[in-house]
Amino acid sequence: MAVYVDKQRNRYRRMIMCHMFADTLEELHSMADKIELDRKWFQGKSTPHYDICLSMRKKAVKNGAVEIGNREAASLIRRLKVTRSSLVGTAPILCGGCGGEINPDYGKCRTCG
């Protein structure tokens, strides 16, 4: 299992942003906590990820995130969507922060949001 950062470079206001993904939500939120990302920046409606600036990307890599290219990111997104769709109707996905249930439609914790 791993956390990944892609090589995208998208402008958002004065920042250059990329994406941080993980094999599991627990790993994703754990890395977010390590690099001091606010949970409100979690993007859960489609593929669970965080949009992160380049300085946060550097911190994630220092904490063990794997750098991936655009093709690898696309492949990972497809795999995560298949995995996520196979989990619908099975045991709930739990929040790494509070242990509450993640709403599969929004990717946000029902307890801590």
PDB file of N, CA and C in Angstrom:
ATOM      1  N   MET A   1       0.845  -1.181   0.000  1.00  0.00           N
ATOM      2  CA  MET A   1       0.000   0.000   0.000  1.00  0.00           C
ATOM      3  C   MET A   1       0.888   1.242   0.000  1.00  0.00           C
ATOM      4  N   ALA A   2       0.368   2.307  -0.638  1.00  0.00           N
ATOM      5  CA  ALA A   2       1.211   3.496  -0.774  1.00  0.00           C
ATOM      6  C   ALA A   2       0.382   4.759  -0.950  1.00  0.00           C
ATOM      7  N   VAL A   3       1.074   5.876  -0.797  1.00  0.00           N
ATOM      8  CA  VAL A   3       0.540   7.205  -1.105  1.00  0.00           C
ATOM      9  C   VAL A   3       1.308   7.692  -2.321  1.00  0.00           C
ATOM     10  N   TYR A   4       0.622   8.375  -3.235  1.00  0.00           N
ATOM     11  CA  TYR A   4       1.224   8.811  -4.490  1.00  0.00           C
ATOM     12  C   TYR A   4       1.001  10.302  -4.700  1.00  0.00           C
ATOM     13  N   VAL A   5       1.976  10.963  -5.337  1.00  0.00           N
ATOM     14  CA  VAL A   5       1.806  12.341  -5.797  1.00  0.00           C
ATOM     15  C   VAL A   5       2.110  12.363  -7.290  1.00  0.00           C
ATOM     16  N   ASP A   6       1.249  13.029  -8.053  1.00  0.00           N
ATOM     17  CA  ASP A   6       1.457  13.046  -9.502  1.00  0.00           C
ATOM     18  C   ASP A   6       2.294  14.245  -9.928  1.00  0.00           C
ATOM     19  N   LYS A   7       2.558  14.307 -11.219  1.00  0.00           N
ATOM     20  CA  LYS A   7       3.397  15.380 -11.764  1.00  0.00           C
ATOM     21  C   LYS A   7       2.580  16.476 -12.447  1.00  0.00           C
ATOM     22  N   GLN A   8       1.280  16.496 -12.188  1.00  0.00           N
ATOM     23  CA  GLN A   8       0.427  17.558 -12.731  1.00  0.00           C
ATOM     24  C   GLN A   8       0.909  18.909 -12.226  1.00  0.00           C
ATOM     25  N   ARG A   9       0.681  19.912 -13.019  1.00  0.00           N
ATOM     26  CA  ARG A   9       1.008  21.281 -12.615  1.00  0.00           C
ATOM     27  C   ARG A   9      -0.173  22.158 -13.038  1.00  0.00           C
ATOM     28  N   ASN A  10      -1.115  22.338 -12.123  1.00  0.00           N
ATOM     29  CA  ASN A  10      -2.317  23.119 -12.387  1.00  0.00           C
ATOM     30  C   ASN A  10      -2.276  24.395 -11.570  1.00  0.00           C
ATOM     31  N   ARG A  11      -2.553  25.499 -12.214  1.00  0.00           N
ATOM     32  CA  ARG A  11      -2.564  26.783 -11.509  1.00  0.00           C
ATOM     33  C   ARG A  11      -3.860  26.929 -10.714  1.00  0.00           C
ATOM     34  N   TYR A  12      -3.716  27.406  -9.489  1.00  0.00           N
ATOM     35  CA  TYR A  12      -4.849  27.777  -8.660  1.00  0.00           C
ATOM     36  C   TYR A  12      -4.442  29.037  -7.914  1.00  0.00           C
ATOM     37  N   ARG A  13      -5.026  30.142  -8.312  1.00  0.00           N
ATOM     38  CA  ARG A  13      -4.635  31.459  -7.795  1.00  0.00           C
ATOM     39  C   ARG A  13      -3.141  31.652  -7.989  1.00  0.00           C
ATOM     40  N   ARG A  14      -2.380  31.836  -6.924  1.00  0.00           N
ATOM     41  CA  ARG A  14      -0.936  32.059  -7.062  1.00  0.00           C
ATOM     42  C   ARG A  14      -0.118  30.773  -6.882  1.00  0.00           C
ATOM     43  N   MET A  15      -0.807  29.646  -6.752  1.00  0.00           N
ATOM     44  CA  MET A  15      -0.105  28.392  -6.473  1.00  0.00           C
ATOM     45  C   MET A  15      -0.103  27.469  -7.693  1.00  0.00           C
ATOM     46  N   ILE A  16       0.840  26.564  -7.685  1.00  0.00           N
ATOM     47  CA  ILE A  16       0.874  25.465  -8.651  1.00  0.00           C
ATOM     48  C   ILE A  16       0.497  24.218  -7.859  1.00  0.00           C
ATOM     49  N   MET A  17      -0.489  23.499  -8.356  1.00  0.00           N
ATOM     50  CA  MET A  17      -1.043  22.370  -7.617  1.00  0.00           C
ATOM     51  C   MET A  17      -0.830  21.045  -8.350  1.00  0.00           C
ATOM     52  N   CYS A  18      -0.831  19.973  -7.569  1.00  0.00           N
ATOM     53  CA  CYS A  18      -0.833  18.617  -8.111  1.00  0.00           C
ATOM     54  C   CYS A  18      -1.795  17.803  -7.243  1.00  0.00           C
ATOM     55  N   HIS A  19      -1.781  16.474  -7.380  1.00  0.00           N
ATOM     56  CA  HIS A  19      -2.716  15.622  -6.657  1.00  0.00           C
ATOM     57  C   HIS A  19      -1.982  14.634  -5.769  1.00  0.00           C
ATOM     58  N   MET A  20      -2.606  14.298  -4.645  1.00  0.00           N
ATOM     59  CA  MET A  20      -2.102  13.246  -3.768  1.00  0.00           C
ATOM     60  C   MET A  20      -3.196  12.190  -3.641  1.00  0.00           C
ATOM     61  N   PHE A  21      -2.856  10.949  -4.004  1.00  0.00           N
ATOM     62  CA  PHE A  21      -3.764   9.804  -3.956  1.00  0.00           C
ATOM     63  C   PHE A  21      -3.180   8.760  -3.018  1.00  0.00           C
ATOM     64  N   ALA A  22      -3.966   7.741  -2.686  1.00  0.00           N
ATOM     65  CA  ALA A  22      -3.441   6.609  -1.909  1.00  0.00           C
ATOM     66  C   ALA A  22      -4.278   5.369  -2.220  1.00  0.00           C
ATOM     67  N   ASP A  23      -3.715   4.226  -1.878  1.00  0.00           N
ATOM     68  CA  ASP A  23      -4.434   2.968  -2.075  1.00  0.00           C
ATOM     69  C   ASP A  23      -5.658   2.879  -1.175  1.00  0.00           C
ATOM     70  N   THR A  24      -5.581   3.493   0.011  1.00  0.00           N
ATOM     71  CA  THR A  24      -6.712   3.479   0.941  1.00  0.00           C
ATOM     72  C   THR A  24      -6.939   4.886   1.492  1.00  0.00           C
ATOM     73  N   LEU A  25      -8.170   5.135   1.936  1.00  0.00           N
ATOM     74  CA  LEU A  25      -8.474   6.434   2.546  1.00  0.00           C
ATOM     75  C   LEU A  25      -7.688   6.622   3.834  1.00  0.00           C
ATOM     76  N   GLU A  26      -7.481   5.549   4.565  1.00  0.00           N
ATOM     77  CA  GLU A  26      -6.725   5.640   5.816  1.00  0.00           C
ATOM     78  C   GLU A  26      -5.309   6.151   5.545  1.00  0.00           C
ATOM     79  N   GLU A  27      -4.657   5.593   4.525  1.00  0.00           N
ATOM     80  CA  GLU A  27      -3.308   6.032   4.167  1.00  0.00           C
ATOM     81  C   GLU A  27      -3.303   7.478   3.683  1.00  0.00           C
ATOM     82  N   LEU A  28      -4.310   7.827   2.889  1.00  0.00           N
ATOM     83  CA  LEU A  28      -4.394   9.184   2.347  1.00  0.00           C
ATOM     84  C   LEU A  28      -4.521  10.206   3.468  1.00  0.00           C
ATOM     85  N   HIS A  29      -5.449   9.950   4.399  1.00  0.00           N
ATOM     86  CA  HIS A  29      -5.653  10.896   5.501  1.00  0.00           C
ATOM     87  C   HIS A  29      -4.473  10.892   6.476  1.00  0.00           C
ATOM     88  N   SER A  30      -3.839   9.741   6.644  1.00  0.00           N
ATOM     89  CA  SER A  30      -2.667   9.670   7.507  1.00  0.00           C
ATOM     90  C   SER A  30      -1.550  10.557   6.958  1.00  0.00           C
ATOM     91  N   MET A  31      -1.318  10.489   5.651  1.00  0.00           N
ATOM     92  CA  MET A  31      -0.291  11.338   5.042  1.00  0.00           C
ATOM     93  C   MET A  31      -0.697  12.813   5.150  1.00  0.00           C
ATOM     94  N   ALA A  32      -1.979  13.089   4.925  1.00  0.00           N
ATOM     95  CA  ALA A  32      -2.458  14.475   5.045  1.00  0.00           C
ATOM     96  C   ALA A  32      -2.168  15.020   6.444  1.00  0.00           C
ATOM     97  N   ASP A  33      -2.383  14.188   7.453  1.00  0.00           N
ATOM     98  CA  ASP A  33      -2.098  14.607   8.829  1.00  0.00           C
ATOM     99  C   ASP A  33      -0.600  14.849   9.020  1.00  0.00           C
ATOM    100  N   LYS A  34       0.238  13.963   8.464  1.00  0.00           N
ATOM    101  CA  LYS A  34       1.691  14.099   8.618  1.00  0.00           C
ATOM    102  C   LYS A  34       2.218  15.397   8.020  1.00  0.00           C
ATOM    103  N   ILE A  35       1.645  15.788   6.872  1.00  0.00           N
ATOM    104  CA  ILE A  35       2.145  16.999   6.209  1.00  0.00           C
ATOM    105  C   ILE A  35       1.289  18.224   6.528  1.00  0.00           C
ATOM    106  N   GLU A  36       0.386  18.055   7.498  1.00  0.00           N
ATOM    107  CA  GLU A  36      -0.436  19.133   8.045  1.00  0.00           C
ATOM    108  C   GLU A  36      -1.399  19.750   7.037  1.00  0.00           C
ATOM    109  N   LEU A  37      -2.075  18.867   6.271  1.00  0.00           N
ATOM    110  CA  LEU A  37      -3.149  19.331   5.382  1.00  0.00           C
ATOM    111  C   LEU A  37      -4.447  19.353   6.164  1.00  0.00           C
ATOM    112  N   ASP A  38      -5.276  20.333   5.896  1.00  0.00           N
ATOM    113  CA  ASP A  38      -6.586  20.419   6.529  1.00  0.00           C
ATOM    114  C   ASP A  38      -7.521  19.430   5.838  1.00  0.00           C
ATOM    115  N   ARG A  39      -8.297  18.670   6.596  1.00  0.00           N
ATOM    116  CA  ARG A  39      -9.214  17.670   6.034  1.00  0.00           C
ATOM    117  C   ARG A  39     -10.275  18.299   5.117  1.00  0.00           C
ATOM    118  N   LYS A  40     -10.543  19.580   5.292  1.00  0.00           N
ATOM    119  CA  LYS A  40     -11.557  20.219   4.437  1.00  0.00           C
ATOM    120  C   LYS A  40     -11.095  20.291   2.981  1.00  0.00           C
ATOM    121  N   TRP A  41      -9.803  20.065   2.728  1.00  0.00           N
ATOM    122  CA  TRP A  41      -9.287  20.091   1.363  1.00  0.00           C
ATOM    123  C   TRP A  41      -9.401  18.736   0.667  1.00  0.00           C
ATOM    124  N   PHE A  42      -9.938  17.750   1.375  1.00  0.00           N
ATOM    125  CA  PHE A  42     -10.136  16.422   0.799  1.00  0.00           C
ATOM    126  C   PHE A  42     -11.165  16.488  -0.328  1.00  0.00           C
ATOM    127  N   GLN A  43     -10.846  15.867  -1.445  1.00  0.00           N
ATOM    128  CA  GLN A  43     -11.742  15.807  -2.607  1.00  0.00           C
ATOM    129  C   GLN A  43     -12.249  14.369  -2.716  1.00  0.00           C
ATOM    130  N   GLY A  44     -13.502  14.134  -2.359  1.00  0.00           N
ATOM    131  CA  GLY A  44     -13.973  12.762  -2.298  1.00  0.00           C
ATOM    132  C   GLY A  44     -15.088  12.380  -3.240  1.00  0.00           C
ATOM    133  N   LYS A  45     -15.604  13.326  -4.013  1.00  0.00           N
ATOM    134  CA  LYS A  45     -16.751  12.997  -4.859  1.00  0.00           C
ATOM    135  C   LYS A  45     -16.408  12.024  -5.984  1.00  0.00           C
ATOM    136  N   SER A  46     -15.262  12.182  -6.596  1.00  0.00           N
ATOM    137  CA  SER A  46     -14.891  11.263  -7.676  1.00  0.00           C
ATOM    138  C   SER A  46     -13.827  10.312  -7.144  1.00  0.00           C
ATOM    139  N   THR A  47     -12.606  10.524  -7.506  1.00  0.00           N
ATOM    140  CA  THR A  47     -11.504   9.730  -6.974  1.00  0.00           C
ATOM    141  C   THR A  47     -10.988  10.423  -5.720  1.00  0.00           C
ATOM    142  N   PRO A  48     -10.985   9.743  -4.584  1.00  0.00           N
ATOM    143  CA  PRO A  48     -10.518  10.389  -3.357  1.00  0.00           C
ATOM    144  C   PRO A  48      -9.074  10.881  -3.496  1.00  0.00           C
ATOM    145  N   HIS A  49      -8.877  12.167  -3.234  1.00  0.00           N
ATOM    146  CA  HIS A  49      -7.540  12.750  -3.338  1.00  0.00           C
ATOM    147  C   HIS A  49      -7.513  14.106  -2.642  1.00  0.00           C
ATOM    148  N   TYR A  50      -6.327  14.637  -2.505  1.00  0.00           N
ATOM    149  CA  TYR A  50      -6.130  16.010  -2.069  1.00  0.00           C
ATOM    150  C   TYR A  50      -5.452  16.757  -3.211  1.00  0.00           C
ATOM    151  N   ASP A  51      -5.861  17.995  -3.453  1.00  0.00           N
ATOM    152  CA  ASP A  51      -5.112  18.896  -4.329  1.00  0.00           C
ATOM    153  C   ASP A  51      -4.085  19.549  -3.419  1.00  0.00           C
ATOM    154  N   ILE A  52      -2.803  19.430  -3.779  1.00  0.00           N
ATOM    155  CA  ILE A  52      -1.766  19.969  -2.902  1.00  0.00           C
ATOM    156  C   ILE A  52      -0.817  20.873  -3.686  1.00  0.00           C
ATOM    157  N   CYS A  53      -0.298  21.879  -3.004  1.00  0.00           N
ATOM    158  CA  CYS A  53       0.683  22.770  -3.629  1.00  0.00           C
ATOM    159  C   CYS A  53       2.046  22.067  -3.649  1.00  0.00           C
ATOM    160  N   LEU A  54       2.973  22.621  -4.410  1.00  0.00           N
ATOM    161  CA  LEU A  54       4.270  21.970  -4.597  1.00  0.00           C
ATOM    162  C   LEU A  54       5.074  21.841  -3.306  1.00  0.00           C
ATOM    163  N   SER A  55       4.923  22.788  -2.380  1.00  0.00           N
ATOM    164  CA  SER A  55       5.652  22.659  -1.108  1.00  0.00           C
ATOM    165  C   SER A  55       5.112  21.480  -0.292  1.00  0.00           C
ATOM    166  N   MET A  56       3.799  21.250  -0.349  1.00  0.00           N
ATOM    167  CA  MET A  56       3.217  20.091   0.338  1.00  0.00           C
ATOM    168  C   MET A  56       3.611  18.793  -0.366  1.00  0.00           C
ATOM    169  N   ARG A  57       3.742  18.857  -1.685  1.00  0.00           N
ATOM    170  CA  ARG A  57       4.185  17.687  -2.450  1.00  0.00           C
ATOM    171  C   ARG A  57       5.571  17.263  -1.983  1.00  0.00           C
ATOM    172  N   LYS A  58       6.445  18.248  -1.796  1.00  0.00           N
ATOM    173  CA  LYS A  58       7.809  17.985  -1.326  1.00  0.00           C
ATOM    174  C   LYS A  58       7.779  17.305   0.048  1.00  0.00           C
ATOM    175  N   LYS A  59       6.916  17.818   0.946  1.00  0.00           N
ATOM    176  CA  LYS A  59       6.782  17.226   2.277  1.00  0.00           C
ATOM    177  C   LYS A  59       6.258  15.793   2.195  1.00  0.00           C
ATOM    178  N   ALA A  60       5.296  15.560   1.280  1.00  0.00           N
ATOM    179  CA  ALA A  60       4.736  14.217   1.127  1.00  0.00           C
ATOM    180  C   ALA A  60       5.811  13.235   0.659  1.00  0.00           C
ATOM    181  N   VAL A  61       6.621  13.654  -0.310  1.00  0.00           N
ATOM    182  CA  VAL A  61       7.704  12.798  -0.815  1.00  0.00           C
ATOM    183  C   VAL A  61       8.699  12.496   0.304  1.00  0.00           C
ATOM    184  N   LYS A  62       9.035  13.502   1.108  1.00  0.00           N
ATOM    185  CA  LYS A  62       9.954  13.285   2.240  1.00  0.00           C
ATOM    186  C   LYS A  62       9.379  12.306   3.249  1.00  0.00           C
ATOM    187  N   ASN A  63       8.039  12.232   3.312  1.00  0.00           N
ATOM    188  CA  ASN A  63       7.365  11.323   4.238  1.00  0.00           C
ATOM    189  C   ASN A  63       6.986   9.994   3.588  1.00  0.00           C
ATOM    190  N   GLY A  64       7.512   9.732   2.385  1.00  0.00           N
ATOM    191  CA  GLY A  64       7.333   8.414   1.783  1.00  0.00           C
ATOM    192  C   GLY A  64       6.391   8.314   0.599  1.00  0.00           C
ATOM    193  N   ALA A  65       5.793   9.415   0.165  1.00  0.00           N
ATOM    194  CA  ALA A  65       4.905   9.354  -1.001  1.00  0.00           C
ATOM    195  C   ALA A  65       5.711   8.998  -2.255  1.00  0.00           C
ATOM    196  N   VAL A  66       5.089   8.259  -3.144  1.00  0.00           N
ATOM    197  CA  VAL A  66       5.732   7.819  -4.385  1.00  0.00           C
ATOM    198  C   VAL A  66       5.362   8.792  -5.501  1.00  0.00           C
ATOM    199  N   GLU A  67       6.379   9.285  -6.214  1.00  0.00           N
ATOM    200  CA  GLU A  67       6.133  10.184  -7.336  1.00  0.00           C
ATOM    201  C   GLU A  67       5.733   9.351  -8.556  1.00  0.00           C
ATOM    202  N   ILE A  68       4.628   9.753  -9.206  1.00  0.00           N
ATOM    203  CA  ILE A  68       4.158   9.037 -10.394  1.00  0.00           C
ATOM    204  C   ILE A  68       3.895  10.008 -11.534  1.00  0.00           C
ATOM    205  N   GLY A  69       4.029   9.512 -12.764  1.00  0.00           N
ATOM    206  CA  GLY A  69       3.763  10.308 -13.953  1.00  0.00           C
ATOM    207  C   GLY A  69       2.279  10.337 -14.281  1.00  0.00           C
ATOM    208  N   ASN A  70       1.936  11.045 -15.340  1.00  0.00           N
ATOM    209  CA  ASN A  70       0.533  11.202 -15.719  1.00  0.00           C
ATOM    210  C   ASN A  70      -0.120   9.883 -16.121  1.00  0.00           C
ATOM    211  N   ARG A  71       0.597   9.044 -16.852  1.00  0.00           N
ATOM    212  CA  ARG A  71       0.030   7.741 -17.239  1.00  0.00           C
ATOM    213  C   ARG A  71      -0.201   6.855 -16.026  1.00  0.00           C
ATOM    214  N   GLU A  72       0.769   6.865 -15.119  1.00  0.00           N
ATOM    215  CA  GLU A  72       0.620   6.072 -13.895  1.00  0.00           C
ATOM    216  C   GLU A  72      -0.549   6.593 -13.063  1.00  0.00           C
ATOM    217  N   ALA A  73      -0.721   7.914 -13.030  1.00  0.00           N
ATOM    218  CA  ALA A  73      -1.838   8.514 -12.283  1.00  0.00           C
ATOM    219  C   ALA A  73      -3.171   8.090 -12.892  1.00  0.00           C
ATOM    220  N   ALA A  74      -3.269   8.108 -14.212  1.00  0.00           N
ATOM    221  CA  ALA A  74      -4.509   7.692 -14.884  1.00  0.00           C
ATOM    222  C   ALA A  74      -4.823   6.231 -14.578  1.00  0.00           C
ATOM    223  N   SER A  75      -3.805   5.385 -14.605  1.00  0.00           N
ATOM    224  CA  SER A  75      -3.981   3.970 -14.297  1.00  0.00           C
ATOM    225  C   SER A  75      -4.415   3.782 -12.845  1.00  0.00           C
ATOM    226  N   LEU A  76      -3.800   4.534 -11.944  1.00  0.00           N
ATOM    227  CA  LEU A  76      -4.162   4.467 -10.529  1.00  0.00           C
ATOM    228  C   LEU A  76      -5.610   4.903 -10.315  1.00  0.00           C
ATOM    229  N   ILE A  77      -6.022   5.978 -10.971  1.00  0.00           N
ATOM    230  CA  ILE A  77      -7.400   6.468 -10.836  1.00  0.00           C
ATOM    231  C   ILE A  77      -8.388   5.402 -11.291  1.00  0.00           C
ATOM    232  N   ARG A  78      -8.098   4.753 -12.422  1.00  0.00           N
ATOM    233  CA  ARG A  78      -8.982   3.669 -12.898  1.00  0.00           C
ATOM    234  C   ARG A  78      -9.058   2.544 -11.870  1.00  0.00           C
ATOM    235  N   ARG A  79      -7.911   2.165 -11.323  1.00  0.00           N
ATOM    236  CA  ARG A  79      -7.874   1.076 -10.336  1.00  0.00           C
ATOM    237  C   ARG A  79      -8.647   1.465  -9.080  1.00  0.00           C
ATOM    238  N   LEU A  80      -8.485   2.687  -8.618  1.00  0.00           N
ATOM    239  CA  LEU A  80      -9.192   3.132  -7.420  1.00  0.00           C
ATOM    240  C   LEU A  80     -10.703   3.171  -7.639  1.00  0.00           C
ATOM    241  N   LYS A  81     -11.127   3.559  -8.843  1.00  0.00           N
ATOM    242  CA  LYS A  81     -12.566   3.584  -9.139  1.00  0.00           C
ATOM    243  C   LYS A  81     -13.143   2.178  -9.127  1.00  0.00           C
ATOM    244  N   VAL A  82     -12.423   1.218  -9.694  1.00  0.00           N
ATOM    245  CA  VAL A  82     -12.883  -0.176  -9.689  1.00  0.00           C
ATOM    246  C   VAL A  82     -12.956  -0.688  -8.261  1.00  0.00           C
ATOM    247  N   THR A  83     -11.916  -0.430  -7.477  1.00  0.00           N
ATOM    248  CA  THR A  83     -11.882  -0.870  -6.083  1.00  0.00           C
ATOM    249  C   THR A  83     -13.027  -0.250  -5.301  1.00  0.00           C
ATOM    250  N   ARG A  84     -13.231   1.035  -5.505  1.00  0.00           N
ATOM    251  CA  ARG A  84     -14.287   1.748  -4.777  1.00  0.00           C
ATOM    252  C   ARG A  84     -15.661   1.218  -5.157  1.00  0.00           C
ATOM    253  N   SER A  85     -15.906   0.958  -6.449  1.00  0.00           N
ATOM    254  CA  SER A  85     -17.213   0.462  -6.875  1.00  0.00           C
ATOM    255  C   SER A  85     -17.456  -0.947  -6.365  1.00  0.00           C
ATOM    256  N   SER A  86     -16.393  -1.733  -6.186  1.00  0.00           N
ATOM    257  CA  SER A  86     -16.557  -3.091  -5.672  1.00  0.00           C
ATOM    258  C   SER A  86     -16.868  -3.087  -4.182  1.00  0.00           C
ATOM    259  N   LEU A  87     -16.582  -1.966  -3.490  1.00  0.00           N
ATOM    260  CA  LEU A  87     -16.845  -1.868  -2.063  1.00  0.00           C
ATOM    261  C   LEU A  87     -18.279  -1.443  -1.749  1.00  0.00           C
ATOM    262  N   VAL A  88     -18.999  -0.926  -2.750  1.00  0.00           N
ATOM    263  CA  VAL A  88     -20.367  -0.476  -2.520  1.00  0.00           C
ATOM    264  C   VAL A  88     -21.207  -1.677  -2.094  1.00  0.00           C
ATOM    265  N   GLY A  89     -21.924  -1.517  -0.987  1.00  0.00           N
ATOM    266  CA  GLY A  89     -22.757  -2.592  -0.482  1.00  0.00           C
ATOM    267  C   GLY A  89     -22.012  -3.547   0.439  1.00  0.00           C
ATOM    268  N   THR A  90     -20.739  -3.313   0.692  1.00  0.00           N
ATOM    269  CA  THR A  90     -19.987  -4.146   1.622  1.00  0.00           C
ATOM    270  C   THR A  90     -19.751  -3.364   2.901  1.00  0.00           C
ATOM    271  N   ALA A  91     -18.781  -3.763   3.665  1.00  0.00           N
ATOM    272  CA  ALA A  91     -18.488  -3.095   4.928  1.00  0.00           C
ATOM    273  C   ALA A  91     -18.166  -1.623   4.685  1.00  0.00           C
ATOM    274  N   PRO A  92     -18.568  -0.736   5.597  1.00  0.00           N
ATOM    275  CA  PRO A  92     -18.308   0.691   5.414  1.00  0.00           C
ATOM    276  C   PRO A  92     -16.821   1.010   5.449  1.00  0.00           C
ATOM    277  N   ILE A  93     -16.440   2.077   4.768  1.00  0.00           N
ATOM    278  CA  ILE A  93     -15.079   2.592   4.817  1.00  0.00           C
ATOM    279  C   ILE A  93     -15.034   3.548   5.997  1.00  0.00           C
ATOM    280  N   LEU A  94     -14.014   3.383   6.834  1.00  0.00           N
ATOM    281  CA  LEU A  94     -13.939   4.186   8.044  1.00  0.00           C
ATOM    282  C   LEU A  94     -12.938   5.322   7.910  1.00  0.00           C
ATOM    283  N   CYS A  95     -13.257   6.430   8.557  1.00  0.00           N
ATOM    284  CA  CYS A  95     -12.409   7.621   8.569  1.00  0.00           C
ATOM    285  C   CYS A  95     -11.140   7.346   9.364  1.00  0.00           C
ATOM    286  N   GLY A  96     -10.006   7.768   8.813  1.00  0.00           N
ATOM    287  CA  GLY A  96      -8.742   7.610   9.509  1.00  0.00           C
ATOM    288  C   GLY A  96      -8.608   8.540  10.709  1.00  0.00           C
ATOM    289  N   GLY A  97      -9.405   9.611  10.733  1.00  0.00           N
ATOM    290  CA  GLY A  97      -9.298  10.580  11.817  1.00  0.00           C
ATOM    291  C   GLY A  97     -10.107  10.205  13.046  1.00  0.00           C
ATOM    292  N   CYS A  98     -11.413   9.978  12.846  1.00  0.00           N
ATOM    293  CA  CYS A  98     -12.276   9.742  13.999  1.00  0.00           C
ATOM    294  C   CYS A  98     -12.842   8.333  14.060  1.00  0.00           C
ATOM    295  N   GLY A  99     -12.678   7.560  12.983  1.00  0.00           N
ATOM    296  CA  GLY A  99     -13.223   6.202  12.966  1.00  0.00           C
ATOM    297  C   GLY A  99     -14.670   6.135  12.520  1.00  0.00           C
ATOM    298  N   GLY A 100     -15.257   7.304  12.197  1.00  0.00           N
ATOM    299  CA  GLY A 100     -16.633   7.338  11.713  1.00  0.00           C
ATOM    300  C   GLY A 100     -16.738   6.785  10.299  1.00  0.00           C
ATOM    301  N   GLU A 101     -17.962   6.586   9.833  1.00  0.00           N
ATOM    302  CA  GLU A 101     -18.201   6.024   8.499  1.00  0.00           C
ATOM    303  C   GLU A 101     -18.051   7.089   7.415  1.00  0.00           C
ATOM    304  N   ILE A 102     -17.391   6.712   6.313  1.00  0.00           N
ATOM    305  CA  ILE A 102     -17.242   7.609   5.170  1.00  0.00           C
ATOM    306  C   ILE A 102     -18.471   7.464   4.279  1.00  0.00           C
ATOM    307  N   ASN A 103     -19.078   8.583   3.930  1.00  0.00           N
ATOM    308  CA  ASN A 103     -20.200   8.573   2.988  1.00  0.00           C
ATOM    309  C   ASN A 103     -19.635   8.284   1.599  1.00  0.00           C
ATOM    310  N   PRO A 104     -19.977   7.137   0.983  1.00  0.00           N
ATOM    311  CA  PRO A 104     -19.377   6.779  -0.308  1.00  0.00           C
ATOM    312  C   PRO A 104     -19.752   7.729  -1.444  1.00  0.00           C
ATOM    313  N   ASP A 105     -20.853   8.446  -1.316  1.00  0.00           N
ATOM    314  CA  ASP A 105     -21.250   9.374  -2.376  1.00  0.00           C
ATOM    315  C   ASP A 105     -20.416  10.647  -2.374  1.00  0.00           C
ATOM    316  N   TYR A 106     -19.937  11.049  -1.224  1.00  0.00           N
ATOM    317  CA  TYR A 106     -19.201  12.309  -1.116  1.00  0.00           C
ATOM    318  C   TYR A 106     -17.763  12.137  -0.651  1.00  0.00           C
ATOM    319  N   GLY A 107     -17.413  10.950  -0.162  1.00  0.00           N
ATOM    320  CA  GLY A 107     -16.059  10.709   0.309  1.00  0.00           C
ATOM    321  C   GLY A 107     -15.713  11.457   1.574  1.00  0.00           C
ATOM    322  N   LYS A 108     -16.728  11.938   2.286  1.00  0.00           N
ATOM    323  CA  LYS A 108     -16.494  12.690   3.526  1.00  0.00           C
ATOM    324  C   LYS A 108     -17.043  11.877   4.694  1.00  0.00           C
ATOM    325  N   CYS A 109     -16.398  12.056   5.844  1.00  0.00           N
ATOM    326  CA  CYS A 109     -16.824  11.366   7.060  1.00  0.00           C
ATOM    327  C   CYS A 109     -18.178  11.907   7.506  1.00  0.00           C
ATOM    328  N   ARG A 110     -19.072  10.994   7.902  1.00  0.00           N
ATOM    329  CA  ARG A 110     -20.392  11.412   8.384  1.00  0.00           C
ATOM    330  C   ARG A 110     -20.286  12.074   9.765  1.00  0.00           C
ATOM    331  N   THR A 111     -19.207  11.790  10.489  1.00  0.00           N
ATOM    332  CA  THR A 111     -19.037  12.321  11.841  1.00  0.00           C
ATOM    333  C   THR A 111     -18.257  13.626  11.862  1.00  0.00           C
ATOM    334  N   CYS A 112     -17.044  13.603  11.287  1.00  0.00           N
ATOM    335  CA  CYS A 112     -16.181  14.790  11.396  1.00  0.00           C
ATOM    336  C   CYS A 112     -16.152  15.619  10.107  1.00  0.00           C
ATOM    337  N   GLY A 113     -16.850  15.163   9.074  1.00  0.00           N
ATOM    338  CA  GLY A 113     -16.974  15.933   7.836  1.00  0.00           C
ATOM    339  C   GLY A 113     -15.738  15.994   7.068  1.00  0.00           C
TER     340      GLY A 113
END
